[in-house]
Structure formats: C-alpha cells, structure tokens
Amino acid sequence: MNILRNGIRIAAALLTAVILVGSAGMQSALAAPASSQPKRQPAADIFLIVQPPAQSTNATTLTYTLTVSNVGTRHANNVDVVIPLNAGAGQVQSIQLGQDQSRVAAQTASSIEVWVGKVEPSTPATIALTFAVPPGASARPISDRASFTWHNNSIEHGQGQSNLPSIDPSHTIYDLQVAPSGPSNSFAFSSSIFVPGEPVMFWLNTPGGQVIGLYLDGGSLTTASTLIQDDSSTGFKKVKRPRSDNVRADAQGEFSLSFAASALPAGSYSLVAHGFASGITAVGAFQVQ
C-alpha cells in the first residue's frame, strides 16, 4: 500500500509541535521517523482537500479553498469536481480557478461543478469560492463533502470525496480516540477526520522523547518493520517481507486499529497519525502500566 515517492517527507515545521501527554509533561509529539519514505503507486491518485475559512462571527464574506492533488506518478485527465452548497447560508460572490484550463461547468443554488481537466503529479489545482454571508451566521455555505471523478480511459479512472469542511487540514493537531482493547496495556485507536481513501502514517512517541515507526499487521499496529513467513518458492524457507508503514482511511475518512503495548516500559506515550494527502495530524495519549 505504500504509494508516495521516496523523496516525500512530512514538513519539518509541522513536526516540531509539542503536546501535553499525561503526567509526562511536554514532549515532542510530531517528529516522524526519519526512515519512513513511502513510495508512490504507478498511477494517478487524486485527493480533494477543502480548506474552510477561519471562524468569525462578524465576517460578511467567507472564502473556501479547494485543492485537487495528484499524489500518483501519472497525470489524471477529465477531473471534475462537484461542490455542495448550503444556499441559505450565503451567496456565491466569486469563483477563482487556479488553472487556465479549469472552468465552471454548472452552477445552481445547491451546487457548483468545476471542470478542472488535467492534473499532473505534484502540481495541484485550486478552486477558491468566496461567499457573502449574513453577519453572525451560524450555518456555513459549504457544510458537506465535495466529490470528484476523473478518467484517462476505460481502465484508468477514479472517484472520491473531500474531507468534511468543518475539519481544517492546515496542519492542525486533532485528538485520536483511545480506548482499552483486549488484554492489559492493549489499546484501540480510531479517527474519522481524515480524507476518504488517503494513506495515513503512524508513529509512537516514548516518555524519553524517542520516535518509533509503526507498521501495519492486519488490523493492528506493530513496531516490527518486517514479517517472517514461509515462502513456497524457496522450499518453504523462512523469508522476511517488509510491512506497510501506512494504511488507507476508508470511504468515510475513518480508521480503527489496535496496538499491543505490553512489551513497552511503563510510562506515558502518544500515538501519532498523519495523513499524507491532507496534512491532518491526530494524536492519542495512553499510559502503559
């Protein structure tokens, strides 16, 4: 499932933040393992990120920015974006498109369709929508997920949705849901804030400030980067296979994974989840007894 190019690294500015974790005090929470270098898959891979406006009770205009990103290795043609509108919360004042080929294909009181066209890898397209709103309005003009489709041919095509506009993906730190799971010192981590289908990377912060990469083992996370298993092609000789260091969020932007921490020394830890496409980061604190 590793899909991002080896050169991609999580921005250092984002990863220098700190959080309060139980009685351990302030510790570095967002320093990703240096060895994590996810690879891209050999195809177009489109994500749509909605950046909501800042909260303001007195604003008369609100601007949303939608970014269409291609984290694959091939271009995506015929990218079409549909943005749902809450007509009672504001009127469209302006639409600014970041690509010359982009155009508004349709506009009604309930939605705007933007034909973006071709999106190259690592060259995102942007859509900025500014709404005139009543001062102090409680509802937002965009309150649901936007959607997109793309197709190069009958074989290469795709569709998906954005994050919820209420979630600000501008490097904001959110809380992971943490609950006891199974035996003592086992935990379940879950979240619903990520972009549907985006790859999410996980790592662990120790009480001493060490950063440990986590890998996928079925529905669980593990510190073991390789899996030892039988290989029939070598006469059932034991072979090592690399584990994936990221998992895709589901169609609702959710994931739920367990982690067995019984082998860790007692203390206060935090588990960090970071979305490659959105930049959303979520942190869950837990205590090993």
Protein backbone atom coordinates (compact mmCIF):
# COMPACT_ATOMS: atom_id res chain seq x y z
CA MET A 1 0.00 0.00 0.00
CA ASN A 2 3.00 2.30 0.07
CA ILE A 3 2.17 4.93 -2.53
CA LEU A 4 4.25 8.07 -2.12
CA ARG A 5 7.61 8.81 -3.71
CA ASN A 6 10.75 8.15 -1.63
CA GLY A 7 11.57 11.84 -1.60
CA ILE A 8 8.43 12.96 0.19
CA ARG A 9 8.85 13.84 3.86
CA ILE A 10 6.45 15.41 6.30
CA ALA A 11 7.13 19.12 6.66
CA ALA A 12 9.56 19.88 9.47
CA ALA A 13 7.59 22.90 10.62
CA LEU A 14 4.58 20.72 11.30
CA LEU A 15 6.56 18.08 13.07
CA THR A 16 8.18 20.34 15.68
CA ALA A 17 5.00 20.95 17.66
CA VAL A 18 4.63 19.62 21.20
CA ILE A 19 1.69 18.32 23.22
CA LEU A 20 0.98 17.60 26.84
CA VAL A 21 0.86 13.82 27.43
CA GLY A 22 -0.46 12.77 30.83
CA SER A 23 1.97 13.30 33.72
CA ALA A 24 5.00 13.12 31.45
CA GLY A 25 4.73 16.84 30.66
CA MET A 26 5.63 18.43 27.34
CA GLN A 27 7.31 16.16 24.81
CA SER A 28 7.92 16.16 21.09
CA ALA A 29 4.81 14.63 19.56
CA LEU A 30 5.07 15.13 15.84
CA ALA A 31 8.58 14.07 14.89
CA ALA A 32 8.12 11.37 12.28
CA PRO A 33 10.64 8.52 11.95
CA ALA A 34 13.38 9.57 9.55
CA SER A 35 13.33 6.14 7.89
CA SER A 36 9.73 6.47 6.69
CA GLN A 37 9.84 7.01 2.94
CA PRO A 38 6.53 5.86 1.40
CA LYS A 39 6.55 5.10 -2.30
CA ARG A 40 4.06 6.17 -4.90
CA GLN A 41 1.99 3.73 -6.84
CA PRO A 42 2.40 3.82 -10.65
CA ALA A 43 -0.90 5.57 -11.46
CA ALA A 44 -2.84 8.77 -10.92
CA ASP A 45 -4.03 9.12 -7.34
CA ILE A 46 -6.36 12.07 -6.75
CA PHE A 47 -7.32 13.72 -3.46
CA LEU A 48 -9.60 16.70 -2.86
CA ILE A 49 -8.90 18.86 0.19
CA VAL A 50 -11.36 21.54 1.38
CA GLN A 51 -9.77 24.32 3.42
CA PRO A 52 -12.56 26.02 5.38
CA PRO A 53 -12.41 29.72 6.29
CA ALA A 54 -11.36 30.85 9.73
CA GLN A 55 -14.12 31.08 12.31
CA SER A 56 -15.60 34.57 12.56
CA THR A 57 -18.94 35.70 13.94
CA ASN A 58 -18.73 39.13 12.29
CA ALA A 59 -17.48 38.22 8.81
CA THR A 60 -19.55 39.30 5.83
CA THR A 61 -17.56 37.13 3.42
CA LEU A 62 -16.14 33.63 3.77
CA THR A 63 -13.63 32.05 1.38
CA TYR A 64 -13.11 28.31 0.97
CA THR A 65 -10.09 26.91 -0.89
CA LEU A 66 -10.35 23.51 -2.54
CA THR A 67 -7.13 21.81 -3.66
CA VAL A 68 -7.08 18.93 -6.14
CA SER A 69 -3.83 16.99 -5.60
CA ASN A 70 -2.38 14.10 -7.58
CA VAL A 71 0.00 12.03 -5.42
CA GLY A 72 0.39 9.31 -8.05
CA THR A 73 3.01 9.04 -10.78
CA ARG A 74 0.80 9.66 -13.83
CA HIS A 75 -1.46 12.52 -14.81
CA ALA A 76 -5.24 12.39 -14.35
CA ASN A 77 -7.46 13.67 -17.15
CA ASN A 78 -11.05 14.94 -17.08
CA VAL A 79 -11.01 15.79 -13.39
CA ASP A 80 -14.47 17.03 -12.45
CA VAL A 81 -15.33 18.49 -9.01
CA VAL A 82 -18.83 18.94 -7.56
CA ILE A 83 -19.18 21.23 -4.53
CA PRO A 84 -22.41 21.09 -2.49
CA LEU A 85 -23.77 24.44 -1.28
CA ASN A 86 -25.96 25.50 1.61
CA ALA A 87 -27.92 28.16 -0.25
CA GLY A 88 -29.50 29.53 2.90
CA ALA A 89 -26.13 30.29 4.50
CA GLY A 90 -24.61 32.55 1.85
CA GLN A 91 -24.49 33.60 -1.78
CA VAL A 92 -21.59 32.94 -4.15
CA GLN A 93 -19.67 36.18 -4.58
CA SER A 94 -16.72 34.99 -6.67
CA ILE A 95 -15.09 31.84 -8.06
CA GLN A 96 -11.34 31.87 -8.68
CA LEU A 97 -9.73 28.98 -10.57
CA GLY A 98 -6.02 28.28 -10.31
CA GLN A 99 -5.58 26.63 -13.73
CA ASP A 100 -6.15 28.16 -17.15
CA GLN A 101 -7.99 25.07 -18.37
CA SER A 102 -10.37 24.97 -15.38
CA ARG A 103 -13.90 26.27 -15.88
CA VAL A 104 -17.25 26.33 -14.14
CA ALA A 105 -19.29 23.61 -15.84
CA ALA A 106 -22.55 24.17 -13.95
CA GLN A 107 -23.85 26.31 -11.10
CA THR A 108 -27.12 26.07 -9.18
CA ALA A 109 -28.33 27.18 -5.77
CA SER A 110 -27.36 23.79 -4.34
CA SER A 111 -24.03 23.01 -6.06
CA ILE A 112 -21.15 24.19 -8.24
CA GLU A 113 -19.46 21.89 -10.74
CA VAL A 114 -15.92 22.78 -11.80
CA TRP A 115 -14.23 21.00 -14.69
CA VAL A 116 -10.56 21.04 -13.70
CA GLY A 117 -9.27 18.99 -16.62
CA LYS A 118 -5.75 17.57 -16.37
CA VAL A 119 -3.92 17.32 -13.03
CA GLU A 120 -0.24 16.39 -13.16
CA PRO A 121 1.60 14.68 -10.28
CA SER A 122 2.79 17.17 -7.66
CA THR A 123 1.03 20.05 -9.49
CA PRO A 124 -2.22 20.72 -7.64
CA ALA A 125 -5.17 22.69 -8.98
CA THR A 126 -7.06 25.11 -6.77
CA ILE A 127 -10.60 26.45 -6.56
CA ALA A 128 -11.38 29.44 -4.32
CA LEU A 129 -15.03 30.20 -3.52
CA THR A 130 -15.98 33.42 -1.75
CA PHE A 131 -19.46 33.75 -0.27
CA ALA A 132 -21.37 36.76 1.02
CA VAL A 133 -22.90 35.76 4.35
CA PRO A 134 -25.10 37.46 6.95
CA PRO A 135 -23.04 38.72 9.93
CA GLY A 136 -23.02 36.19 12.75
CA ALA A 137 -24.49 33.44 10.58
CA SER A 138 -24.29 30.06 12.33
CA ALA A 139 -24.50 27.89 9.20
CA ARG A 140 -21.73 27.64 6.61
CA PRO A 141 -22.19 27.83 2.80
CA ILE A 142 -20.26 24.54 2.38
CA SER A 143 -21.15 22.06 5.11
CA ASP A 144 -20.76 18.70 3.36
CA ARG A 145 -18.07 16.80 1.47
CA ALA A 146 -17.24 17.81 -2.09
CA SER A 147 -16.82 14.99 -4.64
CA PHE A 148 -14.75 14.34 -7.74
CA THR A 149 -14.35 11.98 -10.69
CA TRP A 150 -11.54 11.52 -13.20
CA HIS A 151 -10.80 9.21 -16.12
CA ASN A 152 -7.95 8.71 -18.56
CA ASN A 153 -9.59 5.76 -20.28
CA SER A 154 -11.88 2.82 -19.50
CA ILE A 155 -9.22 1.25 -17.27
CA GLU A 156 -7.69 4.26 -15.53
CA HIS A 157 -10.38 6.17 -13.68
CA GLY A 158 -11.46 7.03 -10.17
CA GLN A 159 -13.79 8.94 -7.89
CA GLY A 160 -13.84 10.11 -4.30
CA GLN A 161 -14.79 12.72 -1.73
CA SER A 162 -13.09 15.50 0.20
CA ASN A 163 -12.66 15.88 3.93
CA LEU A 164 -15.56 17.43 5.83
CA PRO A 165 -15.25 21.22 5.53
CA SER A 166 -15.57 21.53 9.32
CA ILE A 167 -12.14 19.88 9.64
CA ASP A 168 -9.31 22.29 8.89
CA PRO A 169 -6.43 20.34 7.27
CA SER A 170 -3.93 23.19 7.60
CA HIS A 171 -1.51 21.32 9.86
CA THR A 172 -3.91 21.35 12.81
CA ILE A 173 -3.48 18.73 15.51
CA TYR A 174 -6.54 16.68 16.44
CA ASP A 175 -7.25 14.04 19.06
CA LEU A 176 -7.27 10.34 18.29
CA GLN A 177 -9.92 8.34 20.09
CA VAL A 178 -8.21 5.93 22.50
CA ALA A 179 -9.89 3.03 24.33
CA PRO A 180 -8.69 -0.12 26.15
CA SER A 181 -8.74 -3.17 23.91
CA GLY A 182 -8.39 -6.80 25.00
CA PRO A 183 -5.54 -7.66 27.37
CA SER A 184 -3.93 -5.20 29.76
CA ASN A 185 -1.89 -2.45 28.04
CA SER A 186 -3.63 -3.02 24.71
CA PHE A 187 -5.38 -0.07 23.10
CA ALA A 188 -7.69 0.74 20.19
CA PHE A 189 -7.09 3.94 18.22
CA SER A 190 -9.69 5.40 15.86
CA SER A 191 -10.47 8.61 13.97
CA SER A 192 -12.95 9.90 11.41
CA ILE A 193 -11.29 13.18 10.42
CA PHE A 194 -9.10 12.06 7.54
CA VAL A 195 -9.81 12.38 3.83
CA PRO A 196 -11.57 9.31 2.39
CA GLY A 197 -9.02 6.90 0.95
CA GLU A 198 -5.92 8.84 1.92
CA PRO A 199 -2.85 6.98 3.22
CA VAL A 200 -2.17 7.56 6.91
CA MET A 201 1.21 7.00 8.58
CA PHE A 202 1.63 6.13 12.27
CA TRP A 203 4.43 6.50 14.77
CA LEU A 204 4.94 6.29 18.52
CA ASN A 205 6.49 8.81 20.92
CA THR A 206 8.08 7.40 24.07
CA PRO A 207 8.37 9.03 27.52
CA GLY A 208 12.05 9.71 26.78
CA GLY A 209 11.30 11.52 23.50
CA GLN A 210 12.21 8.66 21.15
CA VAL A 211 10.25 8.31 17.91
CA ILE A 212 9.37 4.75 16.83
CA GLY A 213 7.83 3.96 13.43
CA LEU A 214 4.73 1.74 13.41
CA TYR A 215 3.74 -0.76 10.73
CA LEU A 216 0.53 -2.45 9.70
CA ASP A 217 -0.13 -6.01 10.83
CA GLY A 218 -3.66 -6.85 9.69
CA GLY A 219 -5.92 -4.69 11.83
CA SER A 220 -3.14 -3.89 14.28
CA LEU A 221 -0.05 -1.73 14.51
CA THR A 222 3.36 -3.15 15.38
CA THR A 223 6.91 -1.87 15.84
CA ALA A 224 8.21 -4.76 13.70
CA SER A 225 9.04 -3.48 10.20
CA THR A 226 9.30 -6.97 8.68
CA LEU A 227 7.17 -10.10 8.65
CA ILE A 228 8.83 -13.53 8.74
CA GLN A 229 6.84 -16.16 6.87
CA ASP A 230 7.16 -19.32 4.80
CA ASP A 231 7.84 -18.95 1.10
CA SER A 232 6.86 -21.85 -1.13
CA SER A 233 9.11 -20.54 -3.92
CA THR A 234 12.14 -21.20 -1.73
CA GLY A 235 11.12 -24.60 -0.44
CA PHE A 236 9.19 -23.09 2.48
CA LYS A 237 12.29 -21.38 3.76
CA LYS A 238 11.58 -18.58 6.22
CA VAL A 239 11.84 -15.21 4.49
CA LYS A 240 11.48 -11.63 5.63
CA ARG A 241 8.91 -9.38 3.95
CA PRO A 242 8.56 -5.63 4.61
CA ARG A 243 5.38 -4.46 6.29
CA SER A 244 3.49 -1.40 5.08
CA ASP A 245 4.08 1.78 7.07
CA ASN A 246 0.73 3.33 6.17
CA VAL A 247 -2.93 2.42 5.85
CA ARG A 248 -5.70 3.91 3.75
CA ALA A 249 -8.55 5.64 5.54
CA ASP A 250 -11.88 4.16 4.47
CA ALA A 251 -14.63 5.73 2.33
CA GLN A 252 -15.73 7.87 5.28
CA GLY A 253 -12.21 9.01 6.19
CA GLU A 254 -12.10 6.64 9.16
CA PHE A 255 -9.75 4.00 10.53
CA SER A 256 -9.68 1.80 13.63
CA LEU A 257 -6.52 -0.05 14.66
CA SER A 258 -5.28 -1.77 17.79
CA PHE A 259 -1.84 -1.62 19.38
CA ALA A 260 -0.42 -4.03 21.99
CA ALA A 261 1.91 -2.08 24.29
CA SER A 262 2.63 -4.77 26.89
CA ALA A 263 6.29 -5.04 25.81
CA LEU A 264 6.91 -1.31 26.36
CA PRO A 265 8.33 0.08 29.61
CA ALA A 266 5.79 1.75 31.89
CA GLY A 267 5.16 5.42 31.22
CA SER A 268 3.20 7.99 29.21
CA TYR A 269 3.18 7.54 25.43
CA SER A 270 1.48 9.13 22.43
CA LEU A 271 0.50 7.60 19.11
CA VAL A 272 0.54 9.95 16.11
CA ALA A 273 -1.38 9.54 12.84
CA HIS A 274 -0.55 11.77 9.86
CA GLY A 275 -2.45 11.97 6.56
CA PHE A 276 -0.16 12.24 3.53
CA ALA A 277 -2.68 13.99 1.27
CA SER A 278 -4.42 16.32 3.73
CA GLY A 279 -1.63 17.14 6.18
CA ILE A 280 -4.04 16.36 9.03
CA THR A 281 -2.31 15.09 12.17
CA ALA A 282 -4.03 13.38 15.10
CA VAL A 283 -2.51 12.37 18.43
CA GLY A 284 -3.71 9.90 21.07
CA ALA A 285 -2.13 9.72 24.54
CA PHE A 286 -2.06 6.49 26.57
CA GLN A 287 -0.45 5.17 29.73
CA VAL A 288 1.43 1.86 29.92
CA GLN A 289 1.22 0.36 33.42
